[in-house]
C-alpha atoms as a PDB file:
ATOM      1  CA  MET A   1     -13.228  41.295  12.713  1.00  0.00           C
ATOM      2  CA  LYS A   2      -9.959  40.128  12.233  1.00  0.00           C
ATOM      3  CA  PRO A   3      -9.376  37.291  10.198  1.00  0.00           C
ATOM      4  CA  SER A   4      -8.196  33.895  11.261  1.00  0.00           C
ATOM      5  CA  PRO A   5      -4.654  32.921  10.920  1.00  0.00           C
ATOM      6  CA  LEU A   6      -3.533  30.636   7.936  1.00  0.00           C
ATOM      7  CA  LEU A   7      -1.339  27.712   8.945  1.00  0.00           C
ATOM      8  CA  THR A   8       0.571  25.624   6.575  1.00  0.00           C
ATOM      9  CA  PRO A   9      -0.831  22.045   6.166  1.00  0.00           C
ATOM     10  CA  ARG A  10       2.719  20.917   8.279  1.00  0.00           C
ATOM     11  CA  GLU A  11       1.808  23.304  11.451  1.00  0.00           C
ATOM     12  CA  ALA A  12      -1.897  22.337  11.106  1.00  0.00           C
ATOM     13  CA  ALA A  13      -0.927  18.426  11.145  1.00  0.00           C
ATOM     14  CA  ALA A  14       1.115  19.497  14.381  1.00  0.00           C
ATOM     15  CA  LYS A  15      -1.458  21.412  15.825  1.00  0.00           C
ATOM     16  CA  LEU A  16      -3.706  18.270  15.325  1.00  0.00           C
ATOM     17  CA  GLY A  17      -1.062  15.954  16.933  1.00  0.00           C
ATOM     18  CA  ILE A  18      -1.503  13.959  13.079  1.00  0.00           C
ATOM     19  CA  SER A  19       0.949  13.003  10.363  1.00  0.00           C
ATOM     20  CA  TYR A  20       1.333  15.887   7.683  1.00  0.00           C
ATOM     21  CA  PRO A  21      -0.047  12.559   5.242  1.00  0.00           C
ATOM     22  CA  ALA A  22      -3.160  12.288   7.093  1.00  0.00           C
ATOM     23  CA  LEU A  23      -3.825  16.040   7.038  1.00  0.00           C
ATOM     24  CA  LYS A  24      -3.117  16.308   3.082  1.00  0.00           C
ATOM     25  CA  HIS A  25      -6.063  13.208   3.163  1.00  0.00           C
ATOM     26  CA  TRP A  26      -8.306  14.863   5.105  1.00  0.00           C
ATOM     27  CA  ILE A  27      -7.497  18.063   2.572  1.00  0.00           C
ATOM     28  CA  LEU A  28      -7.905  16.133  -0.925  1.00  0.00           C
ATOM     29  CA  ALA A  29     -10.640  14.375   0.734  1.00  0.00           C
ATOM     30  CA  GLY A  30     -12.412  18.230   1.703  1.00  0.00           C
ATOM     31  CA  ARG A  31     -12.834  16.768   5.534  1.00  0.00           C
ATOM     32  CA  ILE A  32     -11.401  19.972   6.287  1.00  0.00           C
ATOM     33  CA  ARG A  33     -11.591  23.796   5.093  1.00  0.00           C
ATOM     34  CA  THR A  34      -8.668  25.506   3.315  1.00  0.00           C
ATOM     35  CA  VAL A  35      -7.735  28.408   0.683  1.00  0.00           C
ATOM     36  CA  LYS A  36      -5.540  28.219  -1.712  1.00  0.00           C
ATOM     37  CA  THR A  37      -2.934  30.975  -2.379  1.00  0.00           C
ATOM     38  CA  PRO A  38      -2.473  32.733  -5.391  1.00  0.00           C
ATOM     39  CA  GLY A  39       0.537  29.748  -6.724  1.00  0.00           C
ATOM     40  CA  GLY A  40      -1.822  26.734  -5.735  1.00  0.00           C
ATOM     41  CA  HIS A  41      -1.046  25.880  -2.016  1.00  0.00           C
ATOM     42  CA  HIS A  42      -3.588  25.018   0.527  1.00  0.00           C
ATOM     43  CA  ARG A  43      -3.457  27.373   3.811  1.00  0.00           C
ATOM     44  CA  ILE A  44      -5.768  26.364   6.623  1.00  0.00           C
ATOM     45  CA  PRO A  45      -7.834  28.683   8.771  1.00  0.00           C
ATOM     46  CA  LEU A  46      -7.040  28.165  12.074  1.00  0.00           C
ATOM     47  CA  GLU A  47     -10.552  27.675  13.468  1.00  0.00           C
ATOM     48  CA  SER A  48     -11.110  25.153  10.815  1.00  0.00           C
ATOM     49  CA  LEU A  49      -8.878  22.854  13.600  1.00  0.00           C
ATOM     50  CA  ASP A  50     -11.195  23.860  16.204  1.00  0.00           C
ATOM     51  CA  GLU A  51     -13.677  20.679  15.445  1.00  0.00           C
ATOM     52  CA  PHE A  52     -11.036  17.874  15.377  1.00  0.00           C
ATOM     53  CA  MET A  53      -9.331  19.369  18.567  1.00  0.00           C
ATOM     54  CA  PRO A  54      -9.710  16.738  21.242  1.00  0.00           C
ATOM     55  CA  VAL A  55     -12.682  18.695  23.943  1.00  0.00           C
ATOM     56  CA  GLY A  56     -11.185  20.013  26.715  1.00  0.00           C
ATOM     57  CA  ALA A  57      -7.175  20.561  25.107  1.00  0.00           C
ATOM     58  CA  LYS A  58      -5.158  22.867  25.868  1.00  0.00           C
ATOM     59  CA  GLY A  59      -1.759  24.227  24.993  1.00  0.00           C
ATOM     60  CA  PRO A  60      -0.290  22.183  22.100  1.00  0.00           C
ATOM     61  CA  SER A  61      -1.252  18.907  20.763  1.00  0.00           C
ATOM     62  CA  PRO A  62       1.124  16.083  21.976  1.00  0.00           C
ATOM     63  CA  ARG A  63       3.574  15.126  19.414  1.00  0.00           C
ATOM     64  CA  ILE A  64       3.705  11.773  18.274  1.00  0.00           C
ATOM     65  CA  SER A  65       7.620   9.929  17.021  1.00  0.00           C
ATOM     66  CA  GLY A  66       5.568   7.008  15.545  1.00  0.00           C
ATOM     67  CA  ARG A  67       5.395   7.233  11.874  1.00  0.00           C
ATOM     68  CA  ASN A  68       3.298   4.307  10.874  1.00  0.00           C
ATOM     69  CA  GLN A  69       0.059   6.038  10.857  1.00  0.00           C
ATOM     70  CA  LEU A  70      -2.761   4.044   8.941  1.00  0.00           C
ATOM     71  CA  MET A  71      -5.715   6.220   8.860  1.00  0.00           C
ATOM     72  CA  GLY A  72      -9.236   4.565   8.382  1.00  0.00           C
ATOM     73  CA  THR A  73     -12.900   4.107   9.754  1.00  0.00           C
ATOM     74  CA  VAL A  74     -13.938   2.464  13.202  1.00  0.00           C
ATOM     75  CA  ALA A  75     -15.725  -0.988  12.255  1.00  0.00           C
ATOM     76  CA  GLU A  76     -16.137  -2.121  15.352  1.00  0.00           C
ATOM     77  CA  VAL A  77     -15.778  -1.180  19.424  1.00  0.00           C
ATOM     78  CA  VAL A  78     -16.723  -4.016  21.858  1.00  0.00           C
ATOM     79  CA  ILE A  79     -16.135  -3.223  25.384  1.00  0.00           C
ATOM     80  CA  ASP A  80     -15.691  -6.207  27.842  1.00  0.00           C
ATOM     81  CA  GLY A  81     -14.989  -5.873  31.294  1.00  0.00           C
ATOM     82  CA  LEU A  82     -11.504  -3.638  31.388  1.00  0.00           C
ATOM     83  CA  LEU A  83     -10.590  -4.167  28.099  1.00  0.00           C
ATOM     84  CA  ALA A  84     -12.092  -2.838  24.252  1.00  0.00           C
ATOM     85  CA  LYS A  85     -11.505  -4.606  20.704  1.00  0.00           C
ATOM     86  CA  VAL A  86     -11.672  -1.812  17.974  1.00  0.00           C
ATOM     87  CA  VAL A  87     -11.617  -2.792  14.582  1.00  0.00           C
ATOM     88  CA  LEU A  88     -10.393   0.037  11.791  1.00  0.00           C
ATOM     89  CA  ALA A  89     -11.313  -0.545   8.660  1.00  0.00           C
ATOM     90  CA  VAL A  90      -8.388   0.940   6.350  1.00  0.00           C
ATOM     91  CA  GLY A  91      -9.197   0.302   2.559  1.00  0.00           C
ATOM     92  CA  SER A  92     -10.133  -3.255   2.098  1.00  0.00           C
ATOM     93  CA  GLN A  93      -7.671  -4.589   5.112  1.00  0.00           C
ATOM     94  CA  ARG A  94      -8.781  -4.699   9.258  1.00  0.00           C
ATOM     95  CA  VAL A  95      -6.606  -3.348  11.711  1.00  0.00           C
ATOM     96  CA  THR A  96      -7.037  -4.881  15.192  1.00  0.00           C
ATOM     97  CA  ALA A  97      -6.327  -3.467  18.806  1.00  0.00           C
ATOM     98  CA  ILE A  98      -7.148  -4.204  21.781  1.00  0.00           C
ATOM     99  CA  ILE A  99      -6.841  -1.468  24.683  1.00  0.00           C
ATOM    100  CA  THR A 100      -8.462  -0.400  27.452  1.00  0.00           C
ATOM    101  CA  ALA A 101     -12.155   0.270  28.055  1.00  0.00           C
ATOM    102  CA  ASP A 102     -10.991   3.523  29.958  1.00  0.00           C
ATOM    103  CA  ALA A 103      -9.036   4.012  26.775  1.00  0.00           C
ATOM    104  CA  ALA A 104     -12.418   3.129  24.503  1.00  0.00           C
ATOM    105  CA  HIS A 105     -14.260   5.568  26.642  1.00  0.00           C
ATOM    106  CA  GLU A 106     -12.127   8.677  26.651  1.00  0.00           C
ATOM    107  CA  LEU A 107     -11.913   8.508  22.932  1.00  0.00           C
ATOM    108  CA  ALA A 108     -15.283   8.144  22.547  1.00  0.00           C
ATOM    109  CA  LEU A 109     -15.001   5.417  19.661  1.00  0.00           C
ATOM    110  CA  LYS A 110     -17.806   4.397  17.576  1.00  0.00           C
ATOM    111  CA  PRO A 111     -18.418   2.782  14.285  1.00  0.00           C
ATOM    112  CA  GLY A 112     -18.367   5.347  11.156  1.00  0.00           C
ATOM    113  CA  ASP A 113     -15.923   7.712  13.148  1.00  0.00           C
ATOM    114  CA  THR A 114     -12.309   8.612  11.418  1.00  0.00           C
ATOM    115  CA  ALA A 115      -9.249   7.266  13.486  1.00  0.00           C
ATOM    116  CA  PHE A 116      -5.860   6.217  13.260  1.00  0.00           C
ATOM    117  CA  ALA A 117      -4.031   2.942  14.151  1.00  0.00           C
ATOM    118  CA  LEU A 118      -0.069   3.985  15.823  1.00  0.00           C
ATOM    119  CA  ILE A 119       1.766   0.575  15.088  1.00  0.00           C
ATOM    120  CA  LYS A 120       5.058   0.665  16.728  1.00  0.00           C
ATOM    121  CA  ALA A 121       6.687  -2.940  15.659  1.00  0.00           C
ATOM    122  CA  THR A 122       9.975  -4.266  16.827  1.00  0.00           C
ATOM    123  CA  GLU A 123       9.852  -6.590  14.120  1.00  0.00           C
ATOM    124  CA  VAL A 124       8.214  -6.827  10.622  1.00  0.00           C
ATOM    125  CA  MET A 125       7.572 -10.043   8.766  1.00  0.00           C
ATOM    126  CA  ILE A 126       6.925 -10.489   4.994  1.00  0.00           C
ATOM    127  CA  ALA A 127       4.636 -13.340   3.875  1.00  0.00           C
ATOM    128  CA  ARG A 128       3.283 -14.717   0.298  1.00  0.00           C
ATOM    129  CA  PRO A 129      -0.212 -15.632   0.386  1.00  0.00           C
END
């Protein structure tokens, strides 16, 4: 049996369509299988990506230009009519997004799932408590 090609973390992140820091977090948390080079660098066997690829994915994953990505755990999903409220726990904070019900169904979101919020803002405000 031919060994699976090994990818660098950056190559694997690009193939999955996630950020490099998110993939490094998965590696350090033991969520994705890696092998270490003699120099101690992580390499990801190609077949390790299979469980993270979207169902029916064909070709390369879409690239996302947004860098403000917050990895977290789905805390709540409420679908009501055409819209869905998704609450993502990011550390001790909560991020709430209103998305279409179709998108929520397509993503098959449920509490406990890992997901990330992409934040694209034209303004950032700073406040003190």
